[in-house]
């Protein structure tokens, strides 16, 4: 029988909230895994309180939790802890993203988990990791970003550092964790052994430095990476240029791109001028080069016309699209990078699609975000063999909860 997707048959216990952890299980659900999402009484995942809501239904929660089965549980109660331990025995992966030590107080430290299920893969996601001087501190995406030397690289060189208005660290850490889980499952297939994965936002953010670390270390601190604002601090030209109608991003970091750019803007003589002949000399002429390019852009009929000329010359170039413009861009729509979904309450709207593409599974799965506790009965009766009466009693005792949003 053909599996519905690459992770069909794998079961995941998802004890996560916010963005980083749910990113992992969102990707795994998109790949066909059965994800049981444990939400804490009384309100569930904090994303259910997202800014865009209708009839108490959150768009943020829908985006990050489609395809999962929700059980809403009092995890601090003896009965709730018992249910968690019973579920550990029935899954391939346990995922949690609490501060180190918290999941242990729920009775699910790694020593206990591996005793309950020696073949399970347990993945712990945290801001700073399970060990080290910072491990016990609370933290979120931007906190880890600051410690990683990343925030210091964002913003104008003469101003304060900036923060990006998107969850680069949370999502990036989620992708790193998904990768680690996949390889841990492969290792288990070969050896039968489970293991514990320690994935932190700080580690993943620091991993994103493509050259800054080796540049600073290799020169013994003589070269200090610094904020470049709208333009890269060590590559010219590479940045956001003021155009006739807005802004255009251009990168000409390779000699052939520089040659092509000079030809496209009608300034082929720049290629042989001494102050522009190589990357190092162009760095010293940065402001002049920016002025030349921006003058040419502002002389063009339109931004679209300028981009077309540069694209025809094989110069790496892009319009600086807004979120609204990106959502409707034909390339993003055709590839499913932007995906239109239809929710039971919110109706039709767009979310980011699954970036993982498999030739054997070309079509996205028809997934739906769960109501809070929607799958209490299914999970407890089908997987743990509780009776309907026992489930009803737990609901009456406020061990579990269910809503219609």
Foldseek 3Di string as FASTA:
>chain_A
DDALFDQAPAEEEQAEADFQSLLQVQLVLQRHYAYEYEAEPDPGHPQLVPPDDDPSGHPSLFQSFWRYHFWYFHLQDPVNLVVVLLVLLQGQEYEYEDQAPPVVSSVPDPVSSCVSPFRHAYEYEYAPKNDDPCRRPHDDQVVLCVVLCNQQQAAAQPDHGDDDPDRPLSNQQSVVRNVVSVVQVVVCVVPVGYDYHITHSNVSSNVPPPPQVCVCVVVVNPDHAGHHHQQHLQFPHFGWAQAQPGIKTFHQRDLLLVCLVCVLLVNNVLCPDPQRVHSVSCSVVRVVRRVSVRVSRNPDPHVVVSVVSSVVSVTDMDDPDDPVRVLPDPVCVVQQQWPWAQAPPPGIDIDGGNPDADPVNHDGDNIYGDFHNNCVPVCCCVVVNDDPVVSVVCVVVVRIDTDDD
